[in-house]
């Protein structure tokens, strides 16, 4: 038997071909995580697109703040939430990370304020009581308007106290300049005709430290009453005044007595008084209502006075009086030394307002402007030439307060006035000094009286008087006694002559009776002749018979 070589053509007995089905490499089960991933990514993208900016706010403490709970509210609408609370690098501040809603992203810009709203008690009342139940939240205040709906500032310094006035409050801010703050504080009320129309929102020292800048806010629509001619004054406490009408007490309200206040009133006589003042306009804050309503002072004119005598009782603020009109006030008192006389003297600086002289100053000012001179200096120069001097006078005998009186002294020594800064006003001794001088003159005259010689003459006079009295006692007294004895005897005789049973009174009584009878007879004769005048010619007729009627001849 022979073997067949492989591949010799036995194709009929070849192995059958096997075909296999191709399987998919990706299973459908993977679609679930892919879809979940896509949904998660879409949520992330959506959240990222709807998320607002993250801002940081610095506070002194985190009292009342909680992560995830404390809200940010703008006009009582929630606009964000606190995400985290931490410290700054030196741990001097608490840094609060908060997320704002996207639709209010533009609130993260310059001028936006943040503060923690808690229950507070201040001069304006109680605020934040709602946080007792809801918890503290961060208040937001921003300037109205949009900035492209984009955040332009991400870090803010939070306020420790709420702003006195938010930007959405209608009204105007005004700046007042005062010599001192008095009893004013943030939140003190502002009054117009005794109605509360605003409040004090801030104060600070002036840059030169010589004044206080007070910022007030007047609510709309009452801010239109603040005109260019409005006068503001400090209405704190109680204002006492004593004048010819008696004692007057004025106050705006009980609140102003406790926490202070500011009042204002337009002055119709001022220039442009009817025009409403623009926001942030500056005014002077007067200390009292009387000072605020006084005539405009005009330009101040500084003067200086030198006194060689004591000025005890003169204080800063004392009035400068001229003929009963207050022209200014004392501003400063200093002590200086004169090497020539080796004596100390006082320098009193004051401020005058010459416009208070009225028409006189207006005429002088016109002439001074034409000649290129200073009106105040020209006016004072002329008055000093005619005897104007400054004199200290007593304003109150009980307290010893002094004031400076400008008066004309015709007999004063001539003084040449030279314009300087400040202007020097010559002085004369005060009333007290004049009184002391008069007392000294009287004492000097009394010392010149020769009391020794007067005593000697008085002793000689007393000796002569003693001798005269002795002579009278020895010579005149006996004669006087005899004369008195004779006078007594004469009086006794006169008494006997005038006794009731003496002849003189009896005869006198009889004579008086006879005179009475004669007077009655004369009266009867006169009556008869008056009724029968013919009896003077015919004589007296027969007497009529009673009941027989008239008798005819």
Protein backbone atom coordinates (compact mmCIF):
# COMPACT_ATOMS: atom_id res chain seq x y z
CA UNK A 1 0.00 0.00 0.00
CA UNK A 2 1.38 3.15 -0.97
CA UNK A 3 1.00 6.45 0.92
CA UNK A 4 -0.33 9.59 -0.72
CA UNK A 5 1.69 12.70 -0.50
CA UNK A 6 0.02 15.58 1.18
CA UNK A 7 -1.45 18.03 -1.18
CA UNK A 8 -1.84 15.48 -3.86
CA UNK A 9 -5.34 16.82 -4.86
CA UNK A 10 -7.74 15.38 -2.39
CA UNK A 11 -9.79 18.58 -2.35
CA UNK A 12 -13.03 16.61 -1.78
CA UNK A 13 -11.96 15.76 1.71
CA UNK A 14 -10.93 19.42 2.66
CA UNK A 15 -12.07 20.85 6.17
CA UNK A 16 -15.18 23.05 6.13
CA UNK A 17 -14.73 26.89 6.59
CA UNK A 18 -15.99 28.33 9.91
CA UNK A 19 -17.28 32.03 9.97
CA UNK A 20 -17.45 33.99 13.35
CA UNK A 21 -19.79 37.02 14.08
CA UNK A 22 -18.01 40.39 14.94
CA UNK A 23 -18.99 41.67 18.48
CA UNK A 24 -19.32 45.56 19.45
CA UNK A 25 -16.46 46.90 21.60
CA UNK A 26 -18.65 49.56 23.53
CA UNK A 27 -21.47 48.32 25.69
CA UNK A 28 -24.75 50.18 25.99
CA UNK A 29 -24.34 50.17 29.79
CA UNK A 30 -21.79 52.94 29.46
CA UNK A 31 -24.47 55.35 28.29
CA UNK A 32 -25.79 55.76 31.85
CA UNK A 33 -22.64 57.32 33.37
CA UNK A 34 -22.09 59.38 30.23
CA UNK A 35 -25.56 60.84 30.43
CA UNK A 36 -25.14 61.45 34.16
CA UNK A 37 -21.81 63.14 33.53
CA UNK A 38 -23.35 65.31 30.85
CA UNK A 39 -26.21 66.25 33.15
CA UNK A 40 -23.80 67.03 36.00
CA UNK A 41 -21.66 69.11 33.68
CA UNK A 42 -24.72 70.99 32.50
CA UNK A 43 -25.71 71.63 36.10
CA UNK A 44 -22.19 72.86 36.87
CA UNK A 45 -22.21 75.10 33.82
CA UNK A 46 -25.66 76.35 34.68
CA UNK A 47 -24.67 76.98 38.27
CA UNK A 48 -21.49 78.71 37.16
CA UNK A 49 -23.37 80.84 34.69
CA UNK A 50 -26.00 81.79 37.31
CA UNK A 51 -23.54 82.35 40.16
CA UNK A 52 -22.73 85.89 41.18
CA UNK A 53 -19.37 87.31 42.27
CA UNK A 54 -17.71 86.31 45.53
CA UNK A 55 -16.85 89.32 47.67
CA UNK A 56 -14.99 89.74 50.95
CA UNK A 57 -16.06 92.11 53.71
CA UNK A 58 -13.88 93.05 56.71
CA UNK A 59 -15.45 93.59 60.15
CA UNK A 60 -14.02 94.02 63.62
CA UNK A 61 -15.96 91.01 64.91
CA UNK A 62 -18.22 88.26 63.55
CA UNK A 63 -20.81 88.67 66.27
CA UNK A 64 -24.13 87.22 65.08
CA UNK A 65 -22.79 85.95 61.72
CA UNK A 66 -23.13 82.28 60.68
CA UNK A 67 -21.83 80.48 57.60
CA UNK A 68 -24.61 79.44 55.25
CA UNK A 69 -27.30 81.22 57.28
CA UNK A 70 -26.48 84.91 57.47
CA UNK A 71 -27.97 86.71 54.51
CA UNK A 72 -27.06 89.86 52.62
CA UNK A 73 -30.07 92.13 52.14
CA UNK A 74 -30.54 95.15 49.92
CA UNK A 75 -33.78 97.04 50.53
CA UNK A 76 -34.93 94.04 52.59
CA UNK A 77 -34.41 91.71 49.59
CA UNK A 78 -31.99 88.79 50.01
CA UNK A 79 -29.18 89.15 47.48
CA UNK A 80 -26.54 86.78 48.88
CA UNK A 81 -25.33 84.48 51.62
CA UNK A 82 -22.24 84.23 53.80
CA UNK A 83 -20.00 81.36 52.54
CA UNK A 84 -17.14 81.47 55.03
CA UNK A 85 -15.71 83.50 57.89
CA UNK A 86 -11.99 83.86 58.57
CA UNK A 87 -9.25 86.28 59.55
CA UNK A 88 -6.96 88.58 57.66
CA UNK A 89 -3.18 88.14 57.70
CA UNK A 90 -2.57 89.81 61.08
CA UNK A 91 -5.92 88.63 62.50
CA UNK A 92 -6.91 92.18 63.35
CA UNK A 93 -10.07 91.88 61.26
CA UNK A 94 -12.67 89.25 60.50
CA UNK A 95 -13.03 88.58 56.76
CA UNK A 96 -16.46 87.43 55.64
CA UNK A 97 -16.67 85.70 52.24
CA UNK A 98 -20.10 86.13 50.68
CA UNK A 99 -21.66 85.28 47.35
CA UNK A 100 -23.91 87.75 45.59
CA UNK A 101 -26.69 86.86 43.22
CA UNK A 102 -25.77 87.31 39.57
CA UNK A 103 -28.57 89.78 38.85
CA UNK A 104 -27.13 92.18 41.46
CA UNK A 105 -23.48 91.77 40.49
CA UNK A 106 -23.25 95.48 39.77
CA UNK A 107 -23.73 96.20 43.49
CA UNK A 108 -20.11 95.09 44.00
CA UNK A 109 -18.68 98.47 43.07
CA UNK A 110 -17.17 101.57 44.62
CA UNK A 111 -19.53 103.36 46.99
CA UNK A 112 -21.39 100.28 48.24
CA UNK A 113 -21.56 99.94 52.03
CA UNK A 114 -21.99 96.82 54.16
CA UNK A 115 -22.83 96.61 57.87
CA UNK A 116 -24.22 94.08 60.31
CA UNK A 117 -27.82 94.76 61.31
CA UNK A 118 -28.31 94.11 65.02
CA UNK A 119 -30.62 95.59 67.66
CA UNK A 120 -29.23 99.08 68.37
CA UNK A 121 -30.18 101.93 70.65
CA UNK A 122 -28.98 105.42 69.74
CA UNK A 123 -30.17 109.03 69.89
CA UNK A 124 -32.50 108.49 66.92
CA UNK A 125 -34.31 105.56 68.57
CA UNK A 126 -34.24 101.76 68.54
CA UNK A 127 -33.46 99.88 65.31
CA UNK A 128 -32.96 96.27 64.23
CA UNK A 129 -35.54 94.76 66.59
CA UNK A 130 -36.57 92.29 63.88
CA UNK A 131 -33.21 90.53 64.18
CA UNK A 132 -34.16 89.30 67.65
CA UNK A 133 -36.17 86.54 65.94
CA UNK A 134 -34.59 86.21 62.49
CA UNK A 135 -30.98 86.70 63.52
CA UNK A 136 -28.44 89.27 62.36
CA UNK A 137 -27.94 89.93 58.66
CA UNK A 138 -25.64 92.11 56.57
CA UNK A 139 -27.28 95.27 55.26
CA UNK A 140 -26.27 96.68 51.88
CA UNK A 141 -26.48 100.24 50.62
CA UNK A 142 -25.37 101.28 47.15
CA UNK A 143 -25.55 104.25 44.83
CA UNK A 144 -28.44 104.02 42.41
CA UNK A 145 -27.60 102.98 38.86
CA UNK A 146 -26.00 100.07 37.02
CA UNK A 147 -22.40 99.45 35.97
CA UNK A 148 -22.89 96.96 33.13
CA UNK A 149 -24.12 94.29 35.58
CA UNK A 150 -20.48 93.47 36.38
CA UNK A 151 -18.63 93.49 39.67
CA UNK A 152 -15.89 96.12 39.70
CA UNK A 153 -14.80 95.76 43.34
CA UNK A 154 -14.53 92.56 45.38
CA UNK A 155 -13.14 93.66 48.77
CA UNK A 156 -14.96 96.03 51.12
CA UNK A 157 -14.44 97.45 54.60
CA UNK A 158 -17.64 96.94 56.53
CA UNK A 159 -19.20 99.67 58.67
CA UNK A 160 -19.43 99.09 62.40
CA UNK A 161 -22.54 101.30 62.65
CA UNK A 162 -25.28 101.63 60.03
CA UNK A 163 -25.08 104.69 57.77
CA UNK A 164 -27.20 107.55 59.01
CA UNK A 165 -28.82 107.97 55.59
CA UNK A 166 -28.99 105.45 52.79
CA UNK A 167 -28.59 106.47 49.15
CA UNK A 168 -32.19 105.60 48.31
CA UNK A 169 -33.55 108.16 50.79
CA UNK A 170 -34.88 111.24 49.00
CA UNK A 171 -33.42 114.55 50.16
CA UNK A 172 -30.23 116.63 50.18
CA UNK A 173 -27.06 116.73 52.21
CA UNK A 174 -25.68 120.03 53.48
CA UNK A 175 -22.44 120.95 55.23
CA UNK A 176 -22.37 123.25 58.25
CA UNK A 177 -19.30 124.90 59.74
CA UNK A 178 -19.39 125.60 63.50
CA UNK A 179 -16.92 126.81 66.10
CA UNK A 180 -17.62 123.71 68.23
CA UNK A 181 -19.89 120.65 68.14
CA UNK A 182 -21.84 121.45 71.30
CA UNK A 183 -24.19 118.62 72.24
CA UNK A 184 -24.81 117.47 68.65
CA UNK A 185 -24.31 113.84 67.71
CA UNK A 186 -25.04 111.56 64.77
CA UNK A 187 -28.80 111.20 64.63
CA UNK A 188 -29.58 114.56 66.24
CA UNK A 189 -32.74 116.00 64.63
CA UNK A 190 -32.93 118.93 62.22
CA UNK A 191 -35.94 121.22 62.73
CA UNK A 192 -37.80 123.64 60.48
CA UNK A 193 -40.52 125.60 62.26
CA UNK A 194 -40.26 123.06 65.11
CA UNK A 195 -40.97 120.12 62.74
CA UNK A 196 -38.40 117.35 62.42
CA UNK A 197 -37.31 117.40 58.75
CA UNK A 198 -33.89 115.71 58.87
CA UNK A 199 -30.99 114.59 61.00
CA UNK A 200 -27.26 114.99 61.59
CA UNK A 201 -25.39 112.30 59.66
CA UNK A 202 -21.76 113.08 60.42
CA UNK A 203 -19.18 115.49 61.81
CA UNK A 204 -15.41 115.95 61.71
CA UNK A 205 -12.77 118.51 62.61
CA UNK A 206 -11.80 120.99 59.95
CA UNK A 207 -8.36 120.55 58.39
CA UNK A 208 -6.96 123.53 60.30
CA UNK A 209 -8.49 122.29 63.57
CA UNK A 210 -10.21 125.64 64.22
CA UNK A 211 -13.75 124.57 63.34
CA UNK A 212 -16.06 121.56 63.16
CA UNK A 213 -17.71 120.46 59.92
CA UNK A 214 -21.18 119.04 60.53
CA UNK A 215 -23.08 117.19 57.79
CA UNK A 216 -26.88 117.18 57.89
CA UNK A 217 -29.51 115.55 55.72
CA UNK A 218 -32.90 117.17 55.02
CA UNK A 219 -35.62 114.87 53.72
CA UNK A 220 -37.58 115.63 50.58
CA UNK A 221 -39.77 117.56 49.95
CA UNK A 222 -38.67 119.75 52.86
CA UNK A 223 -35.19 120.18 51.36
CA UNK A 224 -36.64 122.81 49.03
CA UNK A 225 -36.99 125.16 52.01
CA UNK A 226 -33.20 125.27 52.38
CA UNK A 227 -32.34 128.27 50.22
CA UNK A 228 -29.13 130.16 49.55
CA UNK A 229 -30.08 132.61 52.30
CA UNK A 230 -30.95 130.02 54.96
CA UNK A 231 -29.47 130.43 58.45
CA UNK A 232 -28.71 127.36 60.59
CA UNK A 233 -28.24 127.49 64.37
CA UNK A 234 -27.59 125.06 67.19
CA UNK A 235 -30.96 124.36 68.82
CA UNK A 236 -29.55 122.16 71.59
CA UNK A 237 -30.67 122.59 75.19
CA UNK A 238 -32.65 125.61 76.40
CA UNK A 239 -32.10 129.20 75.25
CA UNK A 240 -32.57 131.79 78.00
CA UNK A 241 -32.76 135.51 77.24
CA UNK A 242 -33.51 138.51 79.44
CA UNK A 243 -34.63 141.77 77.88
CA UNK A 244 -37.14 144.56 78.38
CA UNK A 245 -39.98 142.04 77.98
CA UNK A 246 -38.66 139.90 80.83
CA UNK A 247 -37.26 136.36 80.90
CA UNK A 248 -37.78 134.25 77.79
CA UNK A 249 -37.14 130.50 77.50
CA UNK A 250 -37.01 128.86 74.06
CA UNK A 251 -36.42 125.25 73.01
CA UNK A 252 -37.25 123.24 69.90
CA UNK A 253 -38.39 120.03 71.63
CA UNK A 254 -37.69 117.74 74.55
CA UNK A 255 -35.55 115.60 72.22
CA UNK A 256 -33.29 118.55 71.38
CA UNK A 257 -32.83 119.23 75.10
CA UNK A 258 -31.54 115.68 75.58
CA UNK A 259 -29.63 114.87 72.37
CA UNK A 260 -29.18 118.27 70.75
CA UNK A 261 -30.50 119.47 67.43
CA UNK A 262 -30.14 121.90 64.54
CA UNK A 263 -32.77 124.38 63.35
CA UNK A 264 -32.88 126.52 60.23
CA UNK A 265 -34.96 129.29 58.73
CA UNK A 266 -34.71 131.13 55.39
CA UNK A 267 -33.81 134.83 55.57
CA UNK A 268 -35.82 136.71 52.97
CA UNK A 269 -33.56 139.76 53.01
CA UNK A 270 -30.48 137.78 51.96
CA UNK A 271 -29.21 137.76 48.40
CA UNK A 272 -30.77 134.97 46.29
CA UNK A 273 -32.76 133.93 49.36
CA UNK A 274 -35.53 132.42 47.24
CA UNK A 275 -33.33 130.05 45.24
CA UNK A 276 -33.13 126.48 46.53
CA UNK A 277 -29.66 125.55 47.72
CA UNK A 278 -27.90 122.75 45.82
CA UNK A 279 -26.86 119.51 47.50
CA UNK A 280 -23.63 119.68 49.56
CA UNK A 281 -23.98 123.47 49.89
CA UNK A 282 -22.05 124.91 52.83
CA UNK A 283 -23.53 127.14 55.55
CA UNK A 284 -22.40 128.60 58.86
CA UNK A 285 -23.84 127.02 62.01
CA UNK A 286 -24.57 129.83 64.50
CA UNK A 287 -24.53 129.13 68.25
CA UNK A 288 -27.96 130.67 68.96
CA UNK A 289 -31.10 131.70 67.12
CA UNK A 290 -30.47 135.35 67.97
CA UNK A 291 -27.03 135.26 66.38
CA UNK A 292 -28.41 133.48 63.32
CA UNK A 293 -31.17 136.05 62.73
CA UNK A 294 -28.94 139.07 63.29
CA UNK A 295 -28.06 141.36 60.40
CA UNK A 296 -25.33 140.08 58.08
CA UNK A 297 -21.93 140.74 59.56
CA UNK A 298 -20.13 141.25 56.30
CA UNK A 299 -16.35 141.15 56.11
CA UNK A 300 -14.57 140.83 59.46
CA UNK A 301 -12.04 143.52 60.44
CA UNK A 302 -9.41 142.47 63.03
CA UNK A 303 -8.27 144.98 65.68
CA UNK A 304 -5.90 144.91 68.64
CA UNK A 305 -5.95 146.87 71.92
CA UNK A 306 -3.28 147.29 74.58
CA UNK A 307 -4.18 147.66 78.27
CA UNK A 308 -1.62 148.48 80.95
CA UNK A 309 -4.08 147.80 83.79
CA UNK A 310 -5.68 144.57 84.99
CA UNK A 311 -8.30 143.08 82.66
CA UNK A 312 -9.73 140.66 85.21
CA UNK A 313 -13.33 139.95 84.21
CA UNK A 314 -12.73 140.25 80.45
CA UNK A 315 -13.16 136.94 78.61
CA UNK A 316 -12.99 135.68 75.04
CA UNK A 317 -16.34 136.38 73.42
CA UNK A 318 -16.97 139.60 75.33
CA UNK A 319 -18.82 142.15 73.15
CA UNK A 320 -17.31 145.23 71.54
CA UNK A 321 -19.93 147.94 72.09
CA UNK A 322 -20.33 151.24 70.26
CA UNK A 323 -23.26 153.46 71.30
CA UNK A 324 -25.24 150.40 72.38
CA UNK A 325 -24.54 148.45 69.14
CA UNK A 326 -22.41 145.32 69.28
CA UNK A 327 -19.81 145.73 66.54
CA UNK A 328 -17.83 142.57 67.31
CA UNK A 329 -16.38 140.25 69.93
CA UNK A 330 -13.11 139.60 71.71
CA UNK A 331 -11.28 136.71 70.04
CA UNK A 332 -8.01 136.38 71.97
CA UNK A 333 -6.28 137.70 75.11
CA UNK A 334 -2.51 137.51 75.52
CA UNK A 335 0.07 138.81 77.98
CA UNK A 336 3.22 140.58 76.81
CA UNK A 337 6.20 142.39 78.36
CA UNK A 338 7.46 145.90 77.67
CA UNK A 339 11.28 146.04 78.10
CA UNK A 340 11.25 149.84 78.13
CA UNK A 341 8.94 150.19 81.14
CA UNK A 342 9.75 146.77 82.66
CA UNK A 343 6.04 146.08 82.99
CA UNK A 344 3.62 143.48 81.72
CA UNK A 345 0.65 144.53 79.63
CA UNK A 346 -2.31 142.79 78.00
CA UNK A 347 -3.01 142.50 74.29
CA UNK A 348 -6.68 142.03 73.45
CA UNK A 349 -7.51 140.91 69.90
CA UNK A 350 -11.03 141.35 68.60
CA UNK A 351 -13.02 141.16 65.40
CA UNK A 352 -15.19 144.05 64.24
CA UNK A 353 -17.94 144.01 61.63
CA UNK A 354 -18.10 147.59 60.35
CA UNK A 355 -21.12 146.85 58.16
CA UNK A 356 -23.22 146.88 61.33
CA UNK A 357 -22.85 150.67 61.30
CA UNK A 358 -25.19 150.72 58.33
CA UNK A 359 -25.36 153.75 56.06
CA UNK A 360 -22.29 155.41 57.58
CA UNK A 361 -20.08 152.52 56.58
CA UNK A 362 -21.64 152.35 53.10
CA UNK A 363 -20.71 155.96 52.42
CA UNK A 364 -17.17 155.47 53.72
CA UNK A 365 -16.79 152.30 51.66
CA UNK A 366 -17.77 154.07 48.46
CA UNK A 367 -15.14 156.74 49.05
CA UNK A 368 -12.53 154.16 50.08
CA UNK A 369 -13.13 152.12 46.92
CA UNK A 370 -12.64 155.23 44.82
CA UNK A 371 -9.34 156.03 46.59
CA UNK A 372 -8.17 152.42 46.79
CA UNK A 373 -8.20 152.30 50.62
CA UNK A 374 -9.51 149.75 53.10
CA UNK A 375 -12.98 150.84 54.15
CA UNK A 376 -12.66 149.63 57.74
CA UNK A 377 -9.27 151.25 58.24
CA UNK A 378 -10.41 154.54 56.76
CA UNK A 379 -13.48 154.61 58.99
CA UNK A 380 -11.51 153.83 62.16
CA UNK A 381 -8.80 156.31 61.23
CA UNK A 382 -11.28 159.16 61.00
CA UNK A 383 -13.01 158.20 64.24
CA UNK A 384 -9.71 157.84 66.14
CA UNK A 385 -8.71 161.28 64.91
CA UNK A 386 -11.84 162.68 66.56
CA UNK A 387 -11.25 160.90 69.88
CA UNK A 388 -12.36 157.29 69.41
CA UNK A 389 -10.86 155.14 72.19
CA UNK A 390 -11.42 151.68 73.64
CA UNK A 391 -12.35 151.48 77.32
CA UNK A 392 -13.09 148.56 79.65
CA UNK A 393 -16.42 148.87 81.39
CA UNK A 394 -18.35 146.75 83.86
CA UNK A 395 -21.13 144.68 82.32
CA UNK A 396 -22.34 143.04 85.54
CA UNK A 397 -21.70 144.35 89.04
CA UNK A 398 -22.45 140.94 90.59
CA UNK A 399 -20.13 138.84 88.44
CA UNK A 400 -17.57 141.53 87.63
CA UNK A 401 -17.70 140.80 83.89
CA UNK A 402 -16.18 143.40 81.60
CA UNK A 403 -16.79 144.44 78.02
CA UNK A 404 -14.98 146.76 75.61
CA UNK A 405 -16.70 150.05 74.83
CA UNK A 406 -15.70 152.14 71.83
CA UNK A 407 -16.57 155.74 72.62
CA UNK A 408 -15.57 159.28 71.71
CA UNK A 409 -13.37 161.06 74.27
CA UNK A 410 -12.91 164.68 73.09
CA UNK A 411 -10.21 165.40 75.70
CA UNK A 412 -8.12 162.33 74.84
CA UNK A 413 -4.55 162.86 73.73
CA UNK A 414 -4.16 162.89 69.93
CA UNK A 415 -2.98 159.58 68.44
CA UNK A 416 -1.83 159.05 64.88
CA UNK A 417 -3.53 156.04 63.33
CA UNK A 418 -1.56 153.76 61.04
CA UNK A 419 -3.18 150.92 59.15
CA UNK A 420 -1.77 147.53 60.19
CA UNK A 421 -2.82 143.91 60.49
CA UNK A 422 -4.50 143.89 62.95
CA UNK A 423 -5.37 147.56 63.36
CA UNK A 424 -4.24 149.12 66.68
CA UNK A 425 -6.97 150.94 68.63
CA UNK A 426 -5.78 153.37 71.37
CA UNK A 427 -7.23 152.79 74.83
CA UNK A 428 -8.11 154.87 77.89
CA UNK A 429 -8.36 153.71 81.53
CA UNK A 430 -11.59 152.03 82.48
CA UNK A 431 -14.27 153.25 84.84
CA UNK A 432 -12.76 151.34 87.75
CA UNK A 433 -9.34 152.82 87.07
CA UNK A 434 -10.86 156.28 86.87
CA UNK A 435 -12.63 155.68 90.17
CA UNK A 436 -9.39 154.54 91.74
CA UNK A 437 -7.68 157.66 90.38
CA UNK A 438 -10.42 159.89 91.80
CA UNK A 439 -10.13 158.16 95.16
CA UNK A 440 -6.37 158.68 95.04
CA UNK A 441 -6.86 162.37 94.26
CA UNK A 442 -9.29 162.72 97.15
CA UNK A 443 -6.87 160.99 99.49
CA UNK A 444 -4.08 163.29 98.29
CA UNK A 445 -6.22 166.35 98.97
CA UNK A 446 -7.21 165.01 102.39
CA UNK A 447 -3.54 164.48 103.20
CA UNK A 448 -2.89 168.16 102.46
CA UNK A 449 -5.39 169.31 105.09
CA UNK A 450 -3.44 170.80 108.16
CA UNK A 451 -5.07 168.72 110.84
CA UNK A 452 -2.41 169.78 113.40
CA UNK A 453 -3.16 173.47 112.99
CA UNK A 454 -6.86 172.77 112.97
CA UNK A 455 -6.43 170.89 116.24
CA UNK A 456 -4.57 173.76 117.83
CA UNK A 457 -7.19 176.27 116.72
CA UNK A 458 -9.89 173.95 117.98
CA UNK A 459 -8.23 173.72 121.39
CA UNK A 460 -7.94 177.52 121.56
CA UNK A 461 -11.59 177.86 120.58
CA UNK A 462 -12.61 175.39 123.28
CA UNK A 463 -10.60 177.36 125.89
CA UNK A 464 -12.28 180.62 124.90
CA UNK A 465 -15.65 178.91 125.04
CA UNK A 466 -14.89 177.63 128.54
CA UNK A 467 -14.00 181.14 129.73
CA UNK A 468 -17.18 182.52 128.19
CA UNK A 469 -19.30 179.91 129.93
CA UNK A 470 -17.64 180.75 133.27
CA UNK A 471 -18.38 184.44 132.81
CA UNK A 472 -21.95 183.68 131.92
CA UNK A 473 -22.30 181.55 135.02
CA UNK A 474 -20.98 184.26 137.31
CA UNK A 475 -22.42 187.43 135.80
CA UNK A 476 -25.26 186.72 133.47
CA UNK A 477 -26.88 183.90 135.42
CA UNK A 478 -27.84 185.99 138.57
CA UNK A 479 -29.32 188.76 136.42
CA UNK A 480 -31.22 186.23 134.41
CA UNK A 481 -32.65 184.68 137.59
CA UNK A 482 -33.87 188.11 138.82
CA UNK A 483 -35.44 188.79 135.42
CA UNK A 484 -37.22 185.46 135.52
CA UNK A 485 -38.55 186.23 139.03
CA UNK A 486 -40.01 189.56 137.88
CA UNK A 487 -41.54 187.84 134.90
CA UNK A 488 -43.23 185.30 137.16
CA UNK A 489 -44.70 188.10 139.30
CA UNK A 490 -46.02 189.90 136.24
CA UNK A 491 -47.65 186.72 135.01
CA UNK A 492 -49.32 186.23 138.41
CA UNK A 493 -50.78 189.75 138.29
CA UNK A 494 -52.05 189.15 134.79
CA UNK A 495 -53.69 185.90 135.92
CA UNK A 496 -55.40 187.71 138.82
CA UNK A 497 -56.65 190.42 136.48
CA UNK A 498 -58.11 187.83 134.13
CA UNK A 499 -59.81 185.74 136.84
CA UNK A 500 -63.52 184.90 136.37
CA UNK A 501 -64.70 186.99 139.34
CA UNK A 502 -62.43 189.95 138.63
CA UNK A 503 -63.80 193.32 137.58
CA UNK A 504 -62.26 193.26 134.14
CA UNK A 505 -64.07 190.16 132.90
CA UNK A 506 -67.38 191.26 134.50
CA UNK A 507 -67.26 194.74 132.99
CA UNK A 508 -66.24 193.29 129.71
CA UNK A 509 -69.25 190.94 129.74
CA UNK A 510 -71.63 193.82 130.53
CA UNK A 511 -70.18 195.92 127.77
CA UNK A 512 -70.69 193.07 125.36
CA UNK A 513 -74.33 192.74 126.41
CA UNK A 514 -74.95 196.45 125.84
CA UNK A 515 -73.30 196.23 122.47
CA UNK A 516 -75.62 193.31 121.63
CA UNK A 517 -78.73 195.33 122.59
CA UNK A 518 -77.56 198.28 120.52
CA UNK A 519 -77.00 196.02 117.56
CA UNK A 520 -80.52 194.58 117.85
CA UNK A 521 -82.00 198.10 118.00
CA UNK A 522 -80.08 199.13 114.92
CA UNK A 523 -81.23 195.99 113.13
CA UNK A 524 -84.90 196.75 114.03
CA UNK A 525 -84.53 200.36 112.87
CA UNK A 526 -83.02 199.22 109.60
CA UNK A 527 -85.86 196.77 109.03
CA UNK A 528 -88.46 199.44 109.73
CA UNK A 529 -86.87 201.99 107.40
CA UNK A 530 -86.60 199.36 104.70
CA UNK A 531 -90.32 198.70 104.82
CA UNK A 532 -91.36 202.37 105.59
CA UNK A 533 -88.85 204.69 103.97
CA UNK A 534 -91.35 207.60 104.07
CA UNK A 535 -91.00 207.67 107.86
CA UNK A 536 -87.80 209.65 107.35
CA UNK A 537 -89.95 212.58 106.05
CA UNK A 538 -93.36 212.18 107.72
CA UNK A 539 -92.31 210.53 110.90
CA UNK A 540 -93.69 207.41 112.40
CA UNK A 541 -97.46 207.01 112.12
CA UNK A 542 -99.80 205.57 114.74
CA UNK A 543 -99.35 201.92 115.50
CA UNK A 544 -101.90 199.68 113.76
CA UNK A 545 -104.74 198.20 115.78
CA UNK A 546 -104.64 194.45 115.72
CA UNK A 547 -107.47 193.10 113.50
CA UNK A 548 -108.62 196.59 112.37
CA UNK A 549 -106.92 196.50 108.99
CA UNK A 550 -104.61 199.15 107.62
CA UNK A 551 -104.70 202.66 109.03
CA UNK A 552 -105.18 205.50 106.54
CA UNK A 553 -104.41 209.16 107.15
